[in-house]
Protein backbone atom coordinates (compact mmCIF):
# COMPACT_ATOMS: atom_id res chain seq x y z
CA MET A 1 59.10 106.83 99.97
CA LEU A 2 60.13 103.26 100.04
CA VAL A 3 64.04 102.33 99.67
CA CYS A 4 64.89 98.97 98.40
CA GLN A 5 68.78 98.31 99.23
CA LEU A 6 70.59 95.00 97.49
CA LYS A 7 73.72 94.22 98.72
CA ILE A 8 75.98 92.12 96.72
CA GLU A 9 79.47 90.68 96.86
CA ILE A 10 80.49 89.53 93.43
CA LYS A 11 82.80 86.76 92.59
CA PRO A 12 86.67 87.74 91.69
CA TYR A 13 87.34 88.57 88.29
CA LYS A 14 83.60 89.52 87.62
CA PRO A 15 83.01 93.32 88.53
CA ASP A 16 83.37 94.62 85.07
CA GLU A 17 80.77 92.06 83.92
CA PHE A 18 78.60 93.00 86.64
CA LEU A 19 78.90 96.82 86.06
CA ASN A 20 78.41 96.43 82.24
CA SER A 21 75.51 94.19 82.79
CA MET A 22 74.04 96.61 85.54
CA SER A 23 74.33 99.89 83.07
CA SER A 24 71.51 99.14 80.59
CA ILE A 25 69.53 97.19 83.54
CA LEU A 26 69.78 100.42 85.56
CA ARG A 27 68.64 102.81 82.51
CA SER A 28 65.31 100.46 82.13
CA ILE A 29 64.86 100.40 85.93
CA ARG A 30 64.91 104.31 86.19
CA LYS A 31 62.20 104.47 83.48
CA GLU A 32 59.71 102.47 85.39
CA LYS A 33 56.96 104.20 86.82
CA GLY A 34 57.11 105.43 90.16
CA CYS A 35 60.96 105.03 90.49
CA LEU A 36 62.70 107.97 91.76
CA ASP A 37 65.94 107.11 91.65
CA PHE A 38 68.21 103.63 91.06
CA SER A 39 71.88 103.63 91.57
CA VAL A 40 74.92 101.38 92.11
CA TYR A 41 77.53 102.03 94.59
CA TRP A 42 80.98 100.34 95.14
CA ASP A 43 81.68 99.75 98.71
CA SER A 44 85.40 100.95 99.34
CA GLU A 45 85.89 98.69 102.14
CA LYS A 46 85.06 95.38 101.02
CA GLU A 47 86.38 94.50 97.58
CA ASN A 48 83.87 93.22 95.05
CA THR A 49 80.84 94.64 97.13
CA TYR A 50 78.17 96.62 95.76
CA LEU A 51 74.98 98.24 96.64
CA LEU A 52 72.31 98.74 94.81
CA VAL A 53 69.84 101.37 95.67
CA GLY A 54 66.03 102.24 94.53
CA GLU A 55 64.08 104.65 95.59
CA TRP A 56 60.09 104.42 94.82
CA LYS A 57 57.30 107.02 95.00
CA THR A 58 54.89 104.56 96.26
CA ARG A 59 54.63 100.69 97.68
CA GLN A 60 52.90 99.55 94.27
CA ALA A 61 55.37 101.08 92.13
CA MET A 62 58.07 99.14 94.06
CA GLU A 63 55.98 95.85 94.11
CA LYS A 64 55.29 96.01 90.08
CA HIS A 65 59.14 96.32 89.77
CA PHE A 66 59.42 93.16 91.80
CA LYS A 67 56.98 91.53 89.21
CA SER A 68 59.09 93.06 86.37
CA GLN A 69 61.36 91.62 83.90
CA ASN A 70 64.00 94.19 84.68
CA PHE A 71 64.13 92.90 88.36
CA GLU A 72 64.16 89.24 86.97
CA VAL A 73 67.41 90.22 84.85
CA LEU A 74 68.91 91.86 88.07
CA ILE A 75 68.21 89.12 90.49
CA GLY A 76 69.80 86.72 87.71
CA ALA A 77 72.81 88.69 87.30
CA ALA A 78 73.29 88.67 90.82
CA ARG A 79 72.91 84.98 90.97
CA VAL A 80 75.38 84.23 88.36
CA LEU A 81 77.79 86.77 88.98
CA GLY A 82 77.69 87.13 92.65
CA GLN A 83 78.68 85.23 95.85
CA THR A 84 76.30 86.49 98.63
CA PHE A 85 73.24 88.79 98.26
CA ALA A 86 71.24 90.66 100.76
CA MET A 87 68.22 92.81 100.62
CA ASN A 88 66.49 95.14 102.47
CA ILE A 89 63.41 97.60 102.22
CA ALA A 90 62.72 100.45 104.35
CA GLU A 91 59.91 103.42 104.14
CA VAL A 92 61.62 106.54 104.69
CA SER A 93 59.60 108.84 107.46
CA LYS A 94 61.53 112.06 106.61
CA THR A 95 63.65 113.38 103.71
CA GLY A 96 65.43 116.61 103.69
CA GLY A 97 69.01 118.49 103.28
CA PHE A 98 71.01 119.98 106.18
CA GLU A 99 68.19 121.65 108.17
CA LEU A 100 66.75 118.08 108.72
CA ALA A 101 69.90 116.75 109.81
CA ARG A 102 70.15 119.69 112.60
CA GLU A 103 67.15 119.11 113.42
CA GLN A 104 67.82 115.30 114.23
CA ILE A 105 71.02 116.28 116.32
CA ALA A 106 69.22 118.89 118.23
CA SER A 107 66.41 116.44 118.74
CA GLN A 108 68.92 114.01 120.10
CA GLN A 109 70.70 116.35 122.33
CA ARG A 110 67.31 117.61 124.15
CA LYS A 111 66.84 113.71 124.68
CA SER A 112 70.05 112.86 126.37
CA ALA A 113 69.50 116.28 128.32
CA GLU A 114 66.45 114.90 129.31
CA ALA A 115 67.67 111.64 130.13
CA GLY A 116 70.61 113.20 132.30
CA ILE A 117 67.77 115.14 134.29
CA ALA A 118 65.52 112.31 134.97
CA LYS A 119 68.43 110.24 136.51
């Protein structure tokens, strides 16, 4: 799975316009082949800042999205309504729930203990 994050700081007095434009775009993006999810989140610590997160089944599906009209509209809205824009793409190596979280905590604790012994 691949994850694409777009962090956008919207111009003052433009958040409502941004969110209205995002609602129809997000519905269209979610229907694209290979899209697992595409959502928008509000950053509660940074005024007028939003995080758009897209999850893609394959690299090919994500790359096809980047060539789509939906992506052009999304970037156009960010350009017109936004002040700053940052994009990150990552490949997810593991997914899971609480069991995965517990596994990762235990792994880190083992590594810390081993590093303490090695000193």
